[in-house]
């Protein structure tokens, strides 16, 4: 059975490809993730997106104890910097979580320099554009 990986995307990531292309690029996230799934035949890649904090927490709770899930890639968007609730949800689950950011958040506005979720994630990948997702999937497959 192939390992499963869940990719969770938070607020405004449904707009990648249209939103601030100078930061996020002009390719849609759905298009990129379709390509990523097709180029990773050794794993099943599931994905979800929500603009709502509670939905993200529910996803983490639902999938975070599933023994068939090898890892979760989480781009919590702006909730990265504000959500103790998402951090608590990550700390509570058993499946490892890799925090991902398309941009290099350390080179952006000061509010983006602190992550509430980094301390409870297995690792962080940021600043490689959409390829940050591929790098996270590759890391999870090596766990």
N, C-alpha and C. Protein backbone atom coordinates (compact mmCIF):
# COMPACT_ATOMS: atom_id res chain seq x y z
N UNK A 1 0.84 -1.19 0.00
CA UNK A 1 0.00 0.00 0.00
C UNK A 1 0.88 1.25 0.00
N UNK A 2 0.54 2.22 -0.84
CA UNK A 2 1.31 3.44 -0.94
C UNK A 2 1.09 4.32 0.29
N UNK A 3 2.15 4.99 0.76
CA UNK A 3 1.95 5.94 1.87
C UNK A 3 1.09 7.11 1.42
N UNK A 4 0.32 7.62 2.37
CA UNK A 4 -0.53 8.78 2.09
C UNK A 4 0.05 10.02 2.76
N UNK A 5 -0.06 11.12 2.06
CA UNK A 5 0.36 12.42 2.58
C UNK A 5 -0.82 13.37 2.39
N UNK A 6 -1.09 14.15 3.42
CA UNK A 6 -2.15 15.15 3.35
C UNK A 6 -1.52 16.53 3.26
N UNK A 7 -1.96 17.33 2.31
CA UNK A 7 -1.55 18.73 2.19
C UNK A 7 -2.74 19.59 2.59
N UNK A 8 -2.54 20.41 3.61
CA UNK A 8 -3.57 21.34 4.08
C UNK A 8 -3.10 22.75 3.78
N UNK A 9 -3.95 23.50 3.09
CA UNK A 9 -3.65 24.90 2.79
C UNK A 9 -4.66 25.79 3.48
N UNK A 10 -4.16 26.86 4.07
CA UNK A 10 -4.98 27.78 4.83
C UNK A 10 -5.48 28.96 4.00
N UNK A 11 -5.79 30.05 4.69
CA UNK A 11 -6.48 31.18 4.09
C UNK A 11 -5.72 31.82 2.93
N UNK A 12 -6.49 32.14 1.92
CA UNK A 12 -6.05 32.87 0.73
C UNK A 12 -5.18 32.07 -0.22
N UNK A 13 -4.83 30.84 0.14
CA UNK A 13 -3.99 30.05 -0.75
C UNK A 13 -4.76 29.54 -1.96
N UNK A 14 -6.07 29.60 -1.91
CA UNK A 14 -6.88 29.31 -3.09
C UNK A 14 -6.69 30.37 -4.16
N UNK A 15 -6.08 31.49 -3.81
CA UNK A 15 -5.86 32.59 -4.77
C UNK A 15 -4.46 32.59 -5.37
N UNK A 16 -3.62 31.63 -5.01
CA UNK A 16 -2.27 31.57 -5.58
C UNK A 16 -2.39 31.46 -7.10
N UNK A 17 -1.59 32.23 -7.77
CA UNK A 17 -1.66 32.33 -9.23
C UNK A 17 -2.34 33.61 -9.67
N UNK A 18 -3.18 34.15 -8.78
CA UNK A 18 -3.87 35.42 -9.05
C UNK A 18 -3.47 36.47 -8.02
N UNK A 19 -3.16 36.04 -6.81
CA UNK A 19 -2.86 36.95 -5.70
C UNK A 19 -1.36 37.27 -5.67
N UNK A 20 -1.03 38.52 -5.69
CA UNK A 20 0.35 38.98 -5.55
C UNK A 20 1.35 38.07 -6.27
N UNK A 21 1.29 38.02 -7.60
CA UNK A 21 2.18 37.12 -8.35
C UNK A 21 3.67 37.40 -8.12
N UNK A 22 4.01 38.61 -7.72
CA UNK A 22 5.43 38.91 -7.46
C UNK A 22 5.94 38.13 -6.24
N UNK A 23 5.03 37.73 -5.37
CA UNK A 23 5.41 36.94 -4.18
C UNK A 23 5.12 35.46 -4.39
N UNK A 24 3.93 35.16 -4.92
CA UNK A 24 3.45 33.78 -4.97
C UNK A 24 3.52 33.14 -6.35
N UNK A 25 3.90 33.89 -7.37
CA UNK A 25 3.98 33.35 -8.72
C UNK A 25 2.65 33.43 -9.44
N UNK A 26 2.67 33.00 -10.70
CA UNK A 26 1.46 33.11 -11.50
C UNK A 26 0.84 31.75 -11.83
N UNK A 27 1.36 30.70 -11.23
CA UNK A 27 0.80 29.36 -11.43
C UNK A 27 -0.16 29.04 -10.28
N UNK A 28 -1.30 28.47 -10.61
CA UNK A 28 -2.25 28.17 -9.54
C UNK A 28 -1.73 27.03 -8.67
N UNK A 29 -2.09 27.08 -7.41
CA UNK A 29 -1.68 26.03 -6.48
C UNK A 29 -2.30 24.70 -6.87
N UNK A 30 -3.55 24.70 -7.31
CA UNK A 30 -4.18 23.45 -7.74
C UNK A 30 -3.42 22.82 -8.90
N UNK A 31 -3.05 23.64 -9.87
CA UNK A 31 -2.28 23.13 -11.02
C UNK A 31 -0.96 22.53 -10.55
N UNK A 32 -0.26 23.26 -9.69
CA UNK A 32 1.02 22.75 -9.18
C UNK A 32 0.83 21.44 -8.42
N UNK A 33 -0.17 21.38 -7.55
CA UNK A 33 -0.37 20.17 -6.74
C UNK A 33 -0.83 18.98 -7.59
N UNK A 34 -1.56 19.24 -8.68
CA UNK A 34 -1.88 18.16 -9.63
C UNK A 34 -0.60 17.58 -10.22
N UNK A 35 0.31 18.46 -10.63
CA UNK A 35 1.59 18.03 -11.19
C UNK A 35 2.42 17.28 -10.15
N UNK A 36 2.43 17.79 -8.92
CA UNK A 36 3.17 17.14 -7.84
C UNK A 36 2.64 15.73 -7.59
N UNK A 37 1.34 15.58 -7.53
CA UNK A 37 0.73 14.26 -7.30
C UNK A 37 1.09 13.30 -8.44
N UNK A 38 1.05 13.80 -9.67
CA UNK A 38 1.36 12.95 -10.83
C UNK A 38 2.83 12.55 -10.85
N UNK A 39 3.70 13.41 -10.33
CA UNK A 39 5.13 13.11 -10.35
C UNK A 39 5.59 12.37 -9.09
N UNK A 40 4.66 12.02 -8.23
CA UNK A 40 4.98 11.29 -7.00
C UNK A 40 4.12 10.03 -6.95
N UNK A 41 4.34 9.11 -7.89
CA UNK A 41 3.48 7.92 -7.95
C UNK A 41 3.66 6.97 -6.77
N UNK A 42 4.75 7.14 -6.03
CA UNK A 42 5.01 6.27 -4.88
C UNK A 42 4.16 6.61 -3.66
N UNK A 43 3.40 7.69 -3.74
CA UNK A 43 2.56 8.12 -2.62
C UNK A 43 1.20 8.60 -3.12
N UNK A 44 0.22 8.53 -2.25
CA UNK A 44 -1.07 9.12 -2.52
C UNK A 44 -1.10 10.48 -1.84
N UNK A 45 -1.32 11.52 -2.61
CA UNK A 45 -1.34 12.87 -2.06
C UNK A 45 -2.77 13.38 -2.04
N UNK A 46 -3.25 13.62 -0.84
CA UNK A 46 -4.58 14.20 -0.62
C UNK A 46 -4.38 15.67 -0.31
N UNK A 47 -5.38 16.48 -0.63
CA UNK A 47 -5.22 17.90 -0.31
C UNK A 47 -6.56 18.53 0.03
N UNK A 48 -6.45 19.54 0.90
CA UNK A 48 -7.61 20.28 1.36
C UNK A 48 -7.21 21.74 1.52
N UNK A 49 -8.18 22.63 1.44
CA UNK A 49 -7.93 24.04 1.64
C UNK A 49 -9.13 24.64 2.34
N UNK A 50 -8.86 25.55 3.28
CA UNK A 50 -9.92 26.29 3.92
C UNK A 50 -9.42 27.67 4.33
N UNK A 51 -10.32 28.62 4.27
CA UNK A 51 -10.03 29.96 4.76
C UNK A 51 -10.43 30.12 6.22
N UNK A 52 -10.86 29.03 6.86
CA UNK A 52 -11.40 29.09 8.21
C UNK A 52 -10.55 28.28 9.18
N UNK A 53 -10.14 28.94 10.24
CA UNK A 53 -9.27 28.32 11.25
C UNK A 53 -9.84 27.02 11.81
N UNK A 54 -11.11 27.03 12.16
CA UNK A 54 -11.72 25.83 12.73
C UNK A 54 -11.72 24.65 11.78
N UNK A 55 -11.90 24.92 10.48
CA UNK A 55 -11.85 23.84 9.49
C UNK A 55 -10.46 23.20 9.45
N UNK A 56 -9.43 24.01 9.54
CA UNK A 56 -8.05 23.50 9.52
C UNK A 56 -7.82 22.63 10.75
N UNK A 57 -8.30 23.08 11.89
CA UNK A 57 -8.17 22.29 13.12
C UNK A 57 -8.93 20.98 12.98
N UNK A 58 -10.14 21.02 12.43
CA UNK A 58 -10.91 19.79 12.21
C UNK A 58 -10.17 18.83 11.30
N UNK A 59 -9.54 19.34 10.24
CA UNK A 59 -8.76 18.48 9.33
C UNK A 59 -7.60 17.82 10.07
N UNK A 60 -6.90 18.60 10.88
CA UNK A 60 -5.79 18.05 11.65
C UNK A 60 -6.28 16.96 12.60
N UNK A 61 -7.39 17.19 13.28
CA UNK A 61 -7.95 16.18 14.19
C UNK A 61 -8.38 14.93 13.43
N UNK A 62 -9.03 15.12 12.28
CA UNK A 62 -9.55 13.99 11.51
C UNK A 62 -8.44 13.10 10.98
N UNK A 63 -7.39 13.70 10.45
CA UNK A 63 -6.33 12.94 9.80
C UNK A 63 -5.13 12.67 10.70
N UNK A 64 -5.01 13.38 11.79
CA UNK A 64 -3.80 13.35 12.60
C UNK A 64 -3.58 12.11 13.44
N UNK A 65 -4.56 11.21 13.49
CA UNK A 65 -4.41 9.96 14.23
C UNK A 65 -4.51 8.76 13.30
N UNK A 66 -4.61 9.02 12.01
CA UNK A 66 -4.77 7.97 11.01
C UNK A 66 -3.41 7.34 10.73
N UNK A 67 -3.24 6.08 11.08
CA UNK A 67 -1.96 5.39 10.93
C UNK A 67 -1.55 5.23 9.46
N UNK A 68 -2.48 5.39 8.53
CA UNK A 68 -2.12 5.26 7.11
C UNK A 68 -1.51 6.55 6.56
N UNK A 69 -1.58 7.63 7.32
CA UNK A 69 -1.02 8.92 6.88
C UNK A 69 0.44 9.00 7.34
N UNK A 70 1.33 9.18 6.38
CA UNK A 70 2.77 9.27 6.69
C UNK A 70 3.14 10.65 7.23
N UNK A 71 2.44 11.68 6.77
CA UNK A 71 2.74 13.02 7.22
C UNK A 71 1.76 14.02 6.65
N UNK A 72 1.77 15.20 7.24
CA UNK A 72 0.91 16.30 6.81
C UNK A 72 1.80 17.48 6.44
N UNK A 73 1.56 18.03 5.27
CA UNK A 73 2.19 19.28 4.83
C UNK A 73 1.17 20.38 5.14
N UNK A 74 1.57 21.36 5.92
CA UNK A 74 0.65 22.42 6.32
C UNK A 74 1.20 23.79 5.95
N UNK A 75 0.47 24.48 5.08
CA UNK A 75 0.71 25.89 4.85
C UNK A 75 -0.48 26.59 5.49
N UNK A 76 -0.30 27.04 6.70
CA UNK A 76 -1.39 27.66 7.45
C UNK A 76 -1.62 29.12 7.07
N UNK A 77 -0.88 29.60 6.08
CA UNK A 77 -1.04 31.00 5.66
C UNK A 77 -0.82 31.92 6.85
N UNK A 78 -1.60 32.97 6.92
CA UNK A 78 -1.45 33.96 7.99
C UNK A 78 -1.73 33.38 9.37
N UNK A 79 -2.47 32.27 9.45
CA UNK A 79 -2.69 31.63 10.76
C UNK A 79 -1.39 31.14 11.38
N UNK A 80 -0.37 30.96 10.57
CA UNK A 80 0.94 30.56 11.07
C UNK A 80 1.39 31.50 12.18
N UNK A 81 1.10 32.76 12.01
CA UNK A 81 1.63 33.80 12.89
C UNK A 81 0.69 34.18 14.02
N UNK A 82 -0.52 33.61 14.00
CA UNK A 82 -1.53 34.07 14.96
C UNK A 82 -2.26 32.97 15.71
N UNK A 83 -2.18 31.72 15.26
CA UNK A 83 -3.09 30.71 15.78
C UNK A 83 -2.46 29.74 16.78
N UNK A 84 -2.67 30.04 18.04
CA UNK A 84 -2.29 29.10 19.09
C UNK A 84 -3.17 27.85 19.00
N UNK A 85 -4.41 28.01 18.52
CA UNK A 85 -5.32 26.88 18.40
C UNK A 85 -4.81 25.86 17.38
N UNK A 86 -4.28 26.31 16.25
CA UNK A 86 -3.71 25.37 15.28
C UNK A 86 -2.45 24.74 15.86
N UNK A 87 -1.63 25.51 16.55
CA UNK A 87 -0.45 24.93 17.20
C UNK A 87 -0.84 23.85 18.19
N UNK A 88 -1.87 24.10 18.98
CA UNK A 88 -2.34 23.10 19.94
C UNK A 88 -2.84 21.85 19.25
N UNK A 89 -3.51 22.01 18.11
CA UNK A 89 -4.01 20.86 17.36
C UNK A 89 -2.85 20.02 16.82
N UNK A 90 -1.81 20.68 16.32
CA UNK A 90 -0.64 19.95 15.82
C UNK A 90 0.04 19.20 16.97
N UNK A 91 0.17 19.85 18.11
CA UNK A 91 0.81 19.22 19.26
C UNK A 91 0.02 18.00 19.74
N UNK A 92 -1.28 18.00 19.53
CA UNK A 92 -2.14 16.92 20.04
C UNK A 92 -2.14 15.67 19.15
N UNK A 93 -1.80 15.82 17.87
CA UNK A 93 -1.94 14.69 16.95
C UNK A 93 -0.65 13.86 16.90
N UNK A 94 -0.76 12.69 16.28
CA UNK A 94 0.37 11.77 16.20
C UNK A 94 1.13 11.85 14.88
N UNK A 95 0.47 12.24 13.81
CA UNK A 95 1.10 12.29 12.49
C UNK A 95 2.02 13.52 12.44
N UNK A 96 3.26 13.35 11.93
CA UNK A 96 4.17 14.49 11.85
C UNK A 96 3.69 15.53 10.84
N UNK A 97 3.94 16.80 11.17
CA UNK A 97 3.52 17.92 10.33
C UNK A 97 4.76 18.70 9.89
N UNK A 98 4.82 19.01 8.60
CA UNK A 98 5.87 19.87 8.06
C UNK A 98 5.22 21.19 7.67
N UNK A 99 5.73 22.26 8.25
CA UNK A 99 5.25 23.61 7.96
C UNK A 99 5.87 24.08 6.64
N UNK A 100 5.04 24.63 5.77
CA UNK A 100 5.50 25.07 4.46
C UNK A 100 5.05 26.50 4.19
N UNK A 101 5.93 27.24 3.53
CA UNK A 101 5.60 28.58 3.05
C UNK A 101 6.16 28.74 1.65
N UNK A 102 5.39 29.35 0.79
CA UNK A 102 5.82 29.59 -0.59
C UNK A 102 6.91 30.66 -0.60
N UNK A 103 6.70 31.72 0.16
CA UNK A 103 7.67 32.81 0.22
C UNK A 103 8.63 32.60 1.40
N UNK A 104 9.70 33.35 1.40
CA UNK A 104 10.62 33.35 2.53
C UNK A 104 10.06 34.33 3.56
N UNK A 105 9.32 33.78 4.52
CA UNK A 105 8.62 34.65 5.48
C UNK A 105 9.59 35.49 6.30
N UNK A 106 10.82 35.03 6.48
CA UNK A 106 11.81 35.79 7.26
C UNK A 106 12.25 37.06 6.55
N UNK A 107 12.01 37.14 5.25
CA UNK A 107 12.40 38.34 4.51
C UNK A 107 11.23 39.28 4.26
N UNK A 108 10.11 38.97 4.86
CA UNK A 108 8.91 39.77 4.66
C UNK A 108 8.63 40.66 5.87
N UNK A 109 7.41 41.10 6.03
CA UNK A 109 7.05 42.01 7.12
C UNK A 109 7.38 41.37 8.47
N UNK A 110 7.74 42.19 9.46
CA UNK A 110 8.12 41.65 10.77
C UNK A 110 7.06 40.74 11.42
N UNK A 111 5.79 41.00 11.20
CA UNK A 111 4.74 40.16 11.79
C UNK A 111 4.85 38.72 11.30
N UNK A 112 5.42 38.52 10.11
CA UNK A 112 5.56 37.18 9.55
C UNK A 112 6.83 36.45 10.02
N UNK A 113 7.63 37.10 10.82
CA UNK A 113 8.88 36.48 11.27
C UNK A 113 8.69 35.46 12.38
N UNK A 114 7.56 35.51 13.06
CA UNK A 114 7.31 34.57 14.16
C UNK A 114 6.21 33.60 13.77
N UNK A 115 6.49 32.33 13.97
CA UNK A 115 5.50 31.28 13.70
C UNK A 115 5.05 30.67 15.01
N UNK A 116 3.75 30.61 15.19
CA UNK A 116 3.17 29.94 16.36
C UNK A 116 3.28 28.42 16.23
N UNK A 117 3.37 27.93 14.98
CA UNK A 117 3.32 26.48 14.77
C UNK A 117 4.68 25.81 14.64
N UNK A 118 5.73 26.57 14.35
CA UNK A 118 7.06 25.96 14.17
C UNK A 118 7.47 25.06 15.32
N UNK A 119 7.28 25.46 16.59
CA UNK A 119 7.76 24.61 17.68
C UNK A 119 7.10 23.22 17.76
N UNK A 120 5.94 23.05 17.13
CA UNK A 120 5.25 21.76 17.20
C UNK A 120 5.27 21.01 15.87
N UNK A 121 5.98 21.55 14.89
CA UNK A 121 6.12 20.89 13.60
C UNK A 121 7.43 20.12 13.53
N UNK A 122 7.45 19.09 12.71
CA UNK A 122 8.66 18.28 12.52
C UNK A 122 9.76 19.10 11.85
N UNK A 123 9.37 19.99 10.93
CA UNK A 123 10.32 20.82 10.21
C UNK A 123 9.61 21.94 9.48
N UNK A 124 10.41 22.82 8.88
CA UNK A 124 9.88 23.98 8.16
C UNK A 124 10.62 24.10 6.83
N UNK A 125 9.84 24.33 5.77
CA UNK A 125 10.42 24.60 4.46
C UNK A 125 9.77 25.88 3.95
N UNK A 126 10.59 26.86 3.60
CA UNK A 126 10.06 28.15 3.17
C UNK A 126 10.96 28.78 2.12
N UNK A 127 10.34 29.53 1.23
CA UNK A 127 11.09 30.38 0.32
C UNK A 127 11.45 29.76 -1.01
N UNK A 128 10.98 28.58 -1.31
CA UNK A 128 11.31 27.94 -2.58
C UNK A 128 10.15 27.96 -3.56
N UNK A 129 9.25 28.92 -3.38
CA UNK A 129 8.08 29.01 -4.24
C UNK A 129 7.21 27.78 -4.04
N UNK A 130 6.48 27.43 -5.06
CA UNK A 130 5.60 26.27 -4.97
C UNK A 130 6.40 24.99 -4.75
N UNK A 131 7.66 25.00 -5.13
CA UNK A 131 8.52 23.82 -4.92
C UNK A 131 8.70 23.49 -3.44
N UNK A 132 8.35 24.41 -2.56
CA UNK A 132 8.40 24.11 -1.12
C UNK A 132 7.54 22.90 -0.80
N UNK A 133 6.44 22.73 -1.52
CA UNK A 133 5.56 21.57 -1.30
C UNK A 133 6.26 20.27 -1.69
N UNK A 134 6.94 20.26 -2.82
CA UNK A 134 7.67 19.06 -3.26
C UNK A 134 8.74 18.70 -2.24
N UNK A 135 9.46 19.68 -1.78
CA UNK A 135 10.50 19.43 -0.79
C UNK A 135 9.93 18.83 0.49
N UNK A 136 8.77 19.32 0.90
CA UNK A 136 8.11 18.78 2.10
C UNK A 136 7.67 17.34 1.89
N UNK A 137 7.09 17.06 0.72
CA UNK A 137 6.66 15.69 0.42
C UNK A 137 7.87 14.75 0.41
N UNK A 138 8.96 15.19 -0.21
CA UNK A 138 10.18 14.37 -0.23
C UNK A 138 10.70 14.11 1.18
N UNK A 139 10.65 15.12 2.04
CA UNK A 139 11.10 14.95 3.42
C UNK A 139 10.22 13.94 4.14
N UNK A 140 8.90 14.05 3.98
CA UNK A 140 7.99 13.13 4.65
C UNK A 140 8.23 11.71 4.19
N UNK A 141 8.47 11.51 2.91
CA UNK A 141 8.70 10.15 2.40
C UNK A 141 9.97 9.53 2.98
N UNK A 142 10.86 10.35 3.51
CA UNK A 142 12.10 9.85 4.12
C UNK A 142 11.95 9.60 5.62
N UNK A 143 10.83 10.00 6.25
CA UNK A 143 10.62 9.79 7.69
C UNK A 143 10.64 8.30 7.98
